[in-house]
């Protein structure tokens, strides 16, 4: 565990703030580069204690974000009683595990088959999903970002219009060669 004093800064009004950089692996789930919270004190001693309480909450939050779970940075607080109350509320609702692209596709495919969608339509969609997985990877759905979509679009525009995605020549090429 890092020292809590390393994450303390002061405002121009001498109020202490907690500020920590969000690891790059956690930025898919946390849409900011830094987390900054007011410690609402001008006392350095009180700021160190409150900063330690926040640091204890932030580290598991980053680990959850790196696993692909949905995290809410708004729940961070230095108030220990409020933290315990929020944690009790959170533990009551079980969370569904993060699904990967292939899992979502399998569920969607089963639903389409039950609804009577033609096999050719499903196969066409499946070839597009294979292309997506080849370019972006089989990532958790929650981690799919705008950059992933842009990379897919740029790569798809470089492909020939009537490429047979099932052909052996296609599978021998790396996605970077497109």
C-alpha atoms as a PDB file:
ATOM      1  CA  UNK A   1       0.000   0.000   0.000  1.00  0.00           C
ATOM      2  CA  UNK A   2       1.305   3.449  -0.883  1.00  0.00           C
ATOM      3  CA  UNK A   3       1.602   6.232   1.637  1.00  0.00           C
ATOM      4  CA  UNK A   4      -1.545   8.321   1.894  1.00  0.00           C
ATOM      5  CA  UNK A   5       0.467  11.546   2.106  1.00  0.00           C
ATOM      6  CA  UNK A   6       1.661  11.049  -1.466  1.00  0.00           C
ATOM      7  CA  UNK A   7      -1.853  11.779  -2.722  1.00  0.00           C
ATOM      8  CA  UNK A   8      -2.516  14.987  -0.798  1.00  0.00           C
ATOM      9  CA  UNK A   9      -2.485  18.438  -2.379  1.00  0.00           C
ATOM     10  CA  UNK A  10      -3.806  21.823  -1.288  1.00  0.00           C
ATOM     11  CA  UNK A  11      -6.040  24.287  -3.052  1.00  0.00           C
ATOM     12  CA  UNK A  12      -5.338  28.020  -3.203  1.00  0.00           C
ATOM     13  CA  UNK A  13      -7.659  28.337  -0.189  1.00  0.00           C
ATOM     14  CA  UNK A  14      -5.489  25.932   1.880  1.00  0.00           C
ATOM     15  CA  UNK A  15      -8.074  23.134   1.758  1.00  0.00           C
ATOM     16  CA  UNK A  16      -6.568  19.672   1.348  1.00  0.00           C
ATOM     17  CA  UNK A  17      -7.508  17.429  -1.592  1.00  0.00           C
ATOM     18  CA  UNK A  18      -6.943  13.763  -2.343  1.00  0.00           C
ATOM     19  CA  UNK A  19      -5.696  13.235  -5.913  1.00  0.00           C
ATOM     20  CA  UNK A  20      -4.656   9.952  -7.531  1.00  0.00           C
ATOM     21  CA  UNK A  21      -3.881   8.980 -11.123  1.00  0.00           C
ATOM     22  CA  UNK A  22      -6.148   6.322 -12.651  1.00  0.00           C
ATOM     23  CA  UNK A  23      -4.032   3.442 -14.062  1.00  0.00           C
ATOM     24  CA  UNK A  24      -4.261   3.127 -17.831  1.00  0.00           C
ATOM     25  CA  UNK A  25      -5.685  -0.412 -17.546  1.00  0.00           C
ATOM     26  CA  UNK A  26      -8.605   0.932 -15.484  1.00  0.00           C
ATOM     27  CA  UNK A  27      -9.458   3.838 -17.795  1.00  0.00           C
ATOM     28  CA  UNK A  28     -11.928   1.718 -19.775  1.00  0.00           C
ATOM     29  CA  UNK A  29     -14.249   1.657 -16.778  1.00  0.00           C
ATOM     30  CA  UNK A  30     -13.249   5.001 -15.231  1.00  0.00           C
ATOM     31  CA  UNK A  31     -13.504   7.742 -17.807  1.00  0.00           C
ATOM     32  CA  UNK A  32     -10.994  10.141 -16.250  1.00  0.00           C
ATOM     33  CA  UNK A  33      -7.232  10.309 -15.841  1.00  0.00           C
ATOM     34  CA  UNK A  34      -7.261  11.414 -12.183  1.00  0.00           C
ATOM     35  CA  UNK A  35      -9.636  11.149  -9.237  1.00  0.00           C
ATOM     36  CA  UNK A  36      -9.745  14.252  -7.055  1.00  0.00           C
ATOM     37  CA  UNK A  37     -11.819  14.609  -3.892  1.00  0.00           C
ATOM     38  CA  UNK A  38     -11.943  17.385  -1.336  1.00  0.00           C
ATOM     39  CA  UNK A  39     -10.945  16.265   2.137  1.00  0.00           C
ATOM     40  CA  UNK A  40     -12.851  19.288   3.528  1.00  0.00           C
ATOM     41  CA  UNK A  41     -10.214  20.212   6.048  1.00  0.00           C
ATOM     42  CA  UNK A  42      -7.351  22.656   6.477  1.00  0.00           C
ATOM     43  CA  UNK A  43      -5.636  20.432   9.043  1.00  0.00           C
ATOM     44  CA  UNK A  44      -2.796  18.334   7.606  1.00  0.00           C
ATOM     45  CA  UNK A  45      -3.191  15.675  10.298  1.00  0.00           C
ATOM     46  CA  UNK A  46      -6.918  15.238   9.499  1.00  0.00           C
ATOM     47  CA  UNK A  47      -6.134  15.281   5.762  1.00  0.00           C
ATOM     48  CA  UNK A  48      -3.674  12.388   6.145  1.00  0.00           C
ATOM     49  CA  UNK A  49      -6.270  10.294   7.986  1.00  0.00           C
ATOM     50  CA  UNK A  50      -8.992  11.041   5.450  1.00  0.00           C
ATOM     51  CA  UNK A  51      -6.606  10.421   2.566  1.00  0.00           C
ATOM     52  CA  UNK A  52      -5.759   6.981   3.979  1.00  0.00           C
ATOM     53  CA  UNK A  53      -9.478   6.138   4.124  1.00  0.00           C
ATOM     54  CA  UNK A  54      -9.891   7.152   0.473  1.00  0.00           C
ATOM     55  CA  UNK A  55      -6.799   5.220  -0.578  1.00  0.00           C
ATOM     56  CA  UNK A  56      -8.223   2.063   1.012  1.00  0.00           C
ATOM     57  CA  UNK A  57     -11.325   2.468  -1.182  1.00  0.00           C
ATOM     58  CA  UNK A  58      -9.547   3.418  -4.404  1.00  0.00           C
ATOM     59  CA  UNK A  59      -7.218   0.420  -4.695  1.00  0.00           C
ATOM     60  CA  UNK A  60     -10.022  -2.230  -4.820  1.00  0.00           C
ATOM     61  CA  UNK A  61     -11.926   0.079  -7.166  1.00  0.00           C
ATOM     62  CA  UNK A  62      -8.996   0.098  -9.596  1.00  0.00           C
ATOM     63  CA  UNK A  63      -8.691  -3.690  -9.393  1.00  0.00           C
ATOM     64  CA  UNK A  64     -12.392  -4.092 -10.206  1.00  0.00           C
ATOM     65  CA  UNK A  65     -12.077  -1.669 -13.127  1.00  0.00           C
ATOM     66  CA  UNK A  66      -9.124  -3.607 -14.524  1.00  0.00           C
ATOM     67  CA  UNK A  67     -11.213  -6.821 -14.375  1.00  0.00           C
ATOM     68  CA  UNK A  68     -13.848  -5.077 -16.506  1.00  0.00           C
ATOM     69  CA  UNK A  69     -16.453  -4.488 -13.803  1.00  0.00           C
ATOM     70  CA  UNK A  70     -18.558  -1.347 -13.742  1.00  0.00           C
ATOM     71  CA  UNK A  71     -17.291   0.994 -11.044  1.00  0.00           C
ATOM     72  CA  UNK A  72     -18.714   4.199  -9.636  1.00  0.00           C
ATOM     73  CA  UNK A  73     -16.113   6.715  -8.470  1.00  0.00           C
ATOM     74  CA  UNK A  74     -18.861   8.971  -7.115  1.00  0.00           C
ATOM     75  CA  UNK A  75     -19.221   6.628  -4.122  1.00  0.00           C
ATOM     76  CA  UNK A  76     -15.732   7.469  -2.853  1.00  0.00           C
ATOM     77  CA  UNK A  77     -15.808   9.307   0.449  1.00  0.00           C
ATOM     78  CA  UNK A  78     -13.461   9.833   3.356  1.00  0.00           C
ATOM     79  CA  UNK A  79     -16.376   9.506   5.792  1.00  0.00           C
ATOM     80  CA  UNK A  80     -15.943   5.994   7.230  1.00  0.00           C
ATOM     81  CA  UNK A  81     -19.556   5.678   8.434  1.00  0.00           C
ATOM     82  CA  UNK A  82     -20.931   6.630   5.013  1.00  0.00           C
ATOM     83  CA  UNK A  83     -18.568   4.144   3.364  1.00  0.00           C
ATOM     84  CA  UNK A  84     -19.809   1.270   5.522  1.00  0.00           C
ATOM     85  CA  UNK A  85     -23.420   2.211   4.816  1.00  0.00           C
ATOM     86  CA  UNK A  86     -22.813   2.317   1.042  1.00  0.00           C
ATOM     87  CA  UNK A  87     -20.856  -0.937   1.121  1.00  0.00           C
ATOM     88  CA  UNK A  88     -23.749  -2.653   2.890  1.00  0.00           C
ATOM     89  CA  UNK A  89     -26.154  -1.446   0.220  1.00  0.00           C
ATOM     90  CA  UNK A  90     -23.835  -2.559  -2.566  1.00  0.00           C
ATOM     91  CA  UNK A  91     -23.342  -6.063  -1.214  1.00  0.00           C
ATOM     92  CA  UNK A  92     -27.092  -6.742  -1.187  1.00  0.00           C
ATOM     93  CA  UNK A  93     -27.451  -6.662  -4.973  1.00  0.00           C
ATOM     94  CA  UNK A  94     -25.558  -9.473  -6.726  1.00  0.00           C
ATOM     95  CA  UNK A  95     -23.734  -8.331  -9.849  1.00  0.00           C
ATOM     96  CA  UNK A  96     -23.742 -10.159 -13.129  1.00  0.00           C
ATOM     97  CA  UNK A  97     -20.242 -11.054 -14.345  1.00  0.00           C
ATOM     98  CA  UNK A  98     -18.873  -9.116 -17.274  1.00  0.00           C
ATOM     99  CA  UNK A  99     -19.681 -10.887 -20.555  1.00  0.00           C
ATOM    100  CA  UNK A 100     -17.195 -11.145 -23.388  1.00  0.00           C
ATOM    101  CA  UNK A 101     -18.045 -10.434 -27.006  1.00  0.00           C
ATOM    102  CA  UNK A 102     -18.230 -14.144 -27.871  1.00  0.00           C
ATOM    103  CA  UNK A 103     -20.658 -14.818 -24.986  1.00  0.00           C
ATOM    104  CA  UNK A 104     -22.965 -12.013 -26.090  1.00  0.00           C
ATOM    105  CA  UNK A 105     -22.816 -13.253 -29.677  1.00  0.00           C
ATOM    106  CA  UNK A 106     -23.792 -16.801 -28.619  1.00  0.00           C
ATOM    107  CA  UNK A 107     -26.792 -15.484 -26.682  1.00  0.00           C
ATOM    108  CA  UNK A 108     -27.858 -13.289 -29.591  1.00  0.00           C
ATOM    109  CA  UNK A 109     -27.417 -16.146 -32.068  1.00  0.00           C
ATOM    110  CA  UNK A 110     -29.646 -18.456 -29.995  1.00  0.00           C
ATOM    111  CA  UNK A 111     -32.296 -15.763 -29.768  1.00  0.00           C
ATOM    112  CA  UNK A 112     -32.184 -15.214 -33.545  1.00  0.00           C
ATOM    113  CA  UNK A 113     -32.523 -18.956 -34.190  1.00  0.00           C
ATOM    114  CA  UNK A 114     -35.529 -19.144 -31.836  1.00  0.00           C
ATOM    115  CA  UNK A 115     -37.175 -16.259 -33.691  1.00  0.00           C
ATOM    116  CA  UNK A 116     -36.763 -18.069 -37.015  1.00  0.00           C
ATOM    117  CA  UNK A 117     -34.172 -15.838 -38.667  1.00  0.00           C
ATOM    118  CA  UNK A 118     -32.679 -17.484 -41.755  1.00  0.00           C
ATOM    119  CA  UNK A 119     -29.398 -19.326 -41.389  1.00  0.00           C
ATOM    120  CA  UNK A 120     -27.688 -17.217 -44.081  1.00  0.00           C
ATOM    121  CA  UNK A 121     -28.485 -14.014 -42.184  1.00  0.00           C
ATOM    122  CA  UNK A 122     -27.032 -15.454 -38.995  1.00  0.00           C
ATOM    123  CA  UNK A 123     -23.927 -16.646 -40.869  1.00  0.00           C
ATOM    124  CA  UNK A 124     -23.426 -13.181 -42.379  1.00  0.00           C
ATOM    125  CA  UNK A 125     -23.610 -11.613 -38.925  1.00  0.00           C
ATOM    126  CA  UNK A 126     -21.254 -14.263 -37.560  1.00  0.00           C
ATOM    127  CA  UNK A 127     -18.606 -13.439 -40.161  1.00  0.00           C
ATOM    128  CA  UNK A 128     -18.795  -9.790 -39.088  1.00  0.00           C
ATOM    129  CA  UNK A 129     -18.426 -10.766 -35.438  1.00  0.00           C
ATOM    130  CA  UNK A 130     -15.369 -12.877 -36.318  1.00  0.00           C
ATOM    131  CA  UNK A 131     -13.880  -9.824 -38.037  1.00  0.00           C
ATOM    132  CA  UNK A 132     -14.616  -7.721 -34.962  1.00  0.00           C
ATOM    133  CA  UNK A 133     -13.001 -10.304 -32.660  1.00  0.00           C
ATOM    134  CA  UNK A 134      -9.989 -10.535 -34.944  1.00  0.00           C
ATOM    135  CA  UNK A 135      -9.415  -6.781 -34.978  1.00  0.00           C
ATOM    136  CA  UNK A 136     -10.402  -5.823 -31.428  1.00  0.00           C
ATOM    137  CA  UNK A 137     -10.126  -9.145 -29.620  1.00  0.00           C
ATOM    138  CA  UNK A 138     -12.594 -11.052 -27.481  1.00  0.00           C
ATOM    139  CA  UNK A 139     -12.805  -8.317 -24.855  1.00  0.00           C
ATOM    140  CA  UNK A 140     -15.459  -7.818 -22.185  1.00  0.00           C
ATOM    141  CA  UNK A 141     -18.363  -5.798 -23.539  1.00  0.00           C
ATOM    142  CA  UNK A 142     -17.963  -3.147 -20.833  1.00  0.00           C
ATOM    143  CA  UNK A 143     -14.431  -2.465 -22.086  1.00  0.00           C
ATOM    144  CA  UNK A 144     -15.494  -1.779 -25.668  1.00  0.00           C
ATOM    145  CA  UNK A 145     -14.507   1.831 -26.338  1.00  0.00           C
ATOM    146  CA  UNK A 146     -14.835   4.413 -29.042  1.00  0.00           C
ATOM    147  CA  UNK A 147     -11.196   3.735 -30.000  1.00  0.00           C
ATOM    148  CA  UNK A 148     -12.067   0.058 -30.595  1.00  0.00           C
ATOM    149  CA  UNK A 149     -14.943   1.089 -32.845  1.00  0.00           C
ATOM    150  CA  UNK A 150     -12.719   3.509 -34.750  1.00  0.00           C
ATOM    151  CA  UNK A 151     -10.037   0.819 -35.231  1.00  0.00           C
ATOM    152  CA  UNK A 152     -12.704  -1.590 -36.532  1.00  0.00           C
ATOM    153  CA  UNK A 153     -14.041   1.013 -38.933  1.00  0.00           C
ATOM    154  CA  UNK A 154     -10.596   1.989 -40.250  1.00  0.00           C
ATOM    155  CA  UNK A 155      -9.613  -1.644 -40.782  1.00  0.00           C
ATOM    156  CA  UNK A 156     -12.930  -2.598 -42.405  1.00  0.00           C
ATOM    157  CA  UNK A 157     -12.639   0.282 -44.866  1.00  0.00           C
ATOM    158  CA  UNK A 158      -9.263  -1.061 -46.013  1.00  0.00           C
ATOM    159  CA  UNK A 159     -10.698  -4.515 -46.785  1.00  0.00           C
ATOM    160  CA  UNK A 160     -11.896  -5.391 -50.285  1.00  0.00           C
ATOM    161  CA  UNK A 161     -15.681  -4.982 -50.584  1.00  0.00           C
ATOM    162  CA  UNK A 162     -16.453  -8.635 -51.339  1.00  0.00           C
ATOM    163  CA  UNK A 163     -13.826 -10.368 -49.252  1.00  0.00           C
ATOM    164  CA  UNK A 164     -14.645 -13.928 -48.303  1.00  0.00           C
ATOM    165  CA  UNK A 165     -13.939 -13.951 -44.586  1.00  0.00           C
ATOM    166  CA  UNK A 166     -13.911 -17.746 -44.547  1.00  0.00           C
ATOM    167  CA  UNK A 167     -11.154 -18.088 -47.154  1.00  0.00           C
ATOM    168  CA  UNK A 168      -7.740 -19.466 -46.111  1.00  0.00           C
ATOM    169  CA  UNK A 169      -5.950 -16.421 -47.595  1.00  0.00           C
ATOM    170  CA  UNK A 170      -7.855 -14.165 -45.223  1.00  0.00           C
ATOM    171  CA  UNK A 171      -6.896 -16.234 -42.167  1.00  0.00           C
ATOM    172  CA  UNK A 172      -3.199 -16.222 -43.075  1.00  0.00           C
ATOM    173  CA  UNK A 173      -3.045 -12.411 -43.034  1.00  0.00           C
ATOM    174  CA  UNK A 174      -2.593 -10.559 -39.808  1.00  0.00           C
ATOM    175  CA  UNK A 175      -5.095  -7.842 -38.961  1.00  0.00           C
ATOM    176  CA  UNK A 176      -2.225  -5.339 -38.998  1.00  0.00           C
ATOM    177  CA  UNK A 177      -1.631  -6.048 -42.717  1.00  0.00           C
ATOM    178  CA  UNK A 178      -5.018  -4.607 -43.628  1.00  0.00           C
END
